[in-house]
Amino acid sequence: MSYRVYISYSAKDSELAKDLARRLQEAGVETSFVNSGIETNESACQWKDIIRMHVLSSEEVIVLLTDNSADSPWVRYEMGIADGLDKRLTPVVVNEGVEKRVPMVGKHFIKYADLPKYISSLKRRAKAA
């Protein structure tokens, strides 16, 4: 079994999410995320089902916390799904202070600058899975 991480992010931060996915994959972690087309062809109900499926099939959800994602109802939805499914939820703070705008009581935040250290610990979890 491989260790899978779902990446939650704002569509405005898609390049950042792709870079994170690449870095995680290089560390041997399988990643998934919903491409930034939520506002296009599919209905909101279909997107909710797609997101739920991705989160359900993941062991962990990483939330890229930026000024954009703090204002995104889809990112909040993804965090709610992860919490409801009792998935490990790891917020990564990209913009200082943004964590104060997102209601995540009792969560341990990772600073973006500390991402390499976090990826090393994630790599160990992935090997243990």
Protein backbone atom coordinates (compact mmCIF):
# COMPACT_ATOMS: atom_id res chain seq x y z
CA MET A 1 0.00 0.00 0.00
CA SER A 2 1.31 3.45 -0.84
CA TYR A 3 0.89 6.56 1.27
CA ARG A 4 -1.30 9.09 -0.50
CA VAL A 5 -1.58 12.79 0.27
CA TYR A 6 -4.35 15.04 -1.02
CA ILE A 7 -3.27 18.65 -1.61
CA SER A 8 -5.89 21.32 -0.91
CA TYR A 9 -5.21 24.72 -2.45
CA SER A 10 -6.77 27.72 -4.15
CA ALA A 11 -6.96 27.58 -7.94
CA LYS A 12 -4.96 30.82 -7.90
CA ASP A 13 -2.07 28.87 -6.32
CA SER A 14 -2.01 25.96 -8.78
CA GLU A 15 1.69 26.36 -9.61
CA LEU A 16 2.54 26.19 -5.91
CA ALA A 17 0.42 23.03 -5.57
CA LYS A 18 2.09 21.43 -8.60
CA ASP A 19 5.52 22.20 -7.14
CA LEU A 20 4.53 20.66 -3.80
CA ALA A 21 3.17 17.57 -5.57
CA ARG A 22 6.44 17.20 -7.48
CA ARG A 23 8.49 17.48 -4.29
CA LEU A 24 6.32 14.92 -2.51
CA GLN A 25 6.47 12.50 -5.43
CA GLU A 26 10.26 12.78 -5.47
CA ALA A 27 10.14 11.71 -1.81
CA GLY A 28 8.10 8.63 -2.74
CA VAL A 29 4.70 9.96 -1.66
CA GLU A 30 1.71 9.52 -3.93
CA THR A 31 -0.26 12.76 -4.38
CA SER A 32 -3.64 13.79 -5.65
CA PHE A 33 -5.48 17.06 -6.02
CA VAL A 34 -8.40 18.39 -7.95
CA ASN A 35 -7.30 20.50 -10.89
CA SER A 36 -8.34 24.11 -10.82
CA GLY A 37 -11.39 23.69 -13.04
CA ILE A 38 -14.04 23.67 -10.34
CA GLU A 39 -15.82 26.68 -11.81
CA THR A 40 -16.11 25.08 -15.27
CA ASN A 41 -18.16 22.21 -16.66
CA GLU A 42 -19.05 20.10 -13.64
CA SER A 43 -21.81 21.00 -11.19
CA ALA A 44 -20.96 21.82 -7.57
CA CYS A 45 -22.45 18.48 -6.46
CA GLN A 46 -20.23 16.59 -8.90
CA TRP A 47 -17.15 18.47 -7.64
CA LYS A 48 -18.07 17.69 -4.04
CA ASP A 49 -18.24 14.00 -4.92
CA ILE A 50 -14.89 14.16 -6.74
CA ILE A 51 -13.23 15.94 -3.81
CA ARG A 52 -14.72 13.51 -1.29
CA MET A 53 -13.41 10.55 -3.31
CA HIS A 54 -9.89 12.02 -3.42
CA VAL A 55 -9.83 12.81 0.30
CA LEU A 56 -11.32 9.42 1.19
CA SER A 57 -8.58 7.62 -0.74
CA SER A 58 -5.81 9.63 0.99
CA GLU A 59 -4.13 9.09 4.33
CA GLU A 60 -3.38 12.78 4.79
CA VAL A 61 -4.54 16.17 3.54
CA ILE A 62 -2.07 19.03 3.16
CA VAL A 63 -3.66 22.47 3.00
CA LEU A 64 -1.60 25.20 1.34
CA LEU A 65 -2.55 28.26 3.37
CA THR A 66 -2.18 31.40 1.30
CA ASP A 67 -4.15 34.63 1.16
CA ASN A 68 -6.03 33.04 -1.75
CA SER A 69 -6.89 29.78 0.00
CA ALA A 70 -8.02 31.54 3.18
CA ASP A 71 -10.82 33.06 1.10
CA SER A 72 -11.67 29.91 -0.85
CA PRO A 73 -14.93 28.14 0.06
CA TRP A 74 -13.62 25.03 -1.74
CA VAL A 75 -10.52 24.85 0.48
CA ARG A 76 -12.75 25.17 3.55
CA TYR A 77 -14.96 22.41 2.16
CA GLU A 78 -11.93 20.15 1.64
CA MET A 79 -10.75 20.81 5.21
CA GLY A 80 -14.23 19.97 6.50
CA ILE A 81 -14.33 16.72 4.54
CA ALA A 82 -10.88 15.77 5.85
CA ASP A 83 -11.90 16.54 9.41
CA GLY A 84 -15.18 14.65 9.04
CA LEU A 85 -13.33 11.60 7.70
CA ASP A 86 -10.79 11.90 10.52
CA LYS A 87 -7.89 12.29 8.09
CA ARG A 88 -4.57 13.71 9.20
CA LEU A 89 -4.76 17.42 8.30
CA THR A 90 -1.50 19.33 7.81
CA PRO A 91 -1.74 23.06 7.16
CA VAL A 92 1.30 24.58 5.43
CA VAL A 93 1.51 28.34 6.00
CA VAL A 94 2.79 30.09 2.89
CA ASN A 95 1.83 33.66 3.85
CA GLU A 96 2.63 34.66 7.45
CA GLY A 97 -0.47 35.36 9.51
CA VAL A 98 -2.91 33.62 7.16
CA GLU A 99 -3.37 30.83 9.72
CA LYS A 100 -5.25 33.32 11.92
CA ARG A 101 -7.89 33.71 9.21
CA VAL A 102 -8.65 30.00 8.94
CA PRO A 103 -10.52 28.25 11.76
CA MET A 104 -8.31 25.28 12.61
CA VAL A 105 -8.29 25.01 16.36
CA GLY A 106 -5.57 22.80 17.81
CA LYS A 107 -3.81 22.14 14.53
CA HIS A 108 -0.06 22.18 14.19
CA PHE A 109 1.03 24.47 11.37
CA ILE A 110 4.07 23.90 9.16
CA LYS A 111 5.80 26.98 7.81
CA TYR A 112 6.53 26.80 4.10
CA ALA A 113 10.21 27.41 4.82
CA ASP A 114 10.20 24.24 6.98
CA LEU A 115 8.69 22.11 4.21
CA PRO A 116 11.87 20.08 3.50
CA LYS A 117 11.98 18.91 7.13
CA TYR A 118 8.29 18.02 7.01
CA ILE A 119 8.72 16.13 3.72
CA SER A 120 11.47 14.04 5.36
CA SER A 121 9.07 12.98 8.13
CA LEU A 122 6.35 12.33 5.56
CA LYS A 123 8.76 10.15 3.61
CA ARG A 124 9.29 8.00 6.73
CA ARG A 125 5.51 7.64 7.16
CA ALA A 126 5.19 6.66 3.51
CA LYS A 127 7.83 3.96 3.85
CA ALA A 128 6.10 2.61 6.96
CA ALA A 129 2.73 2.38 5.18
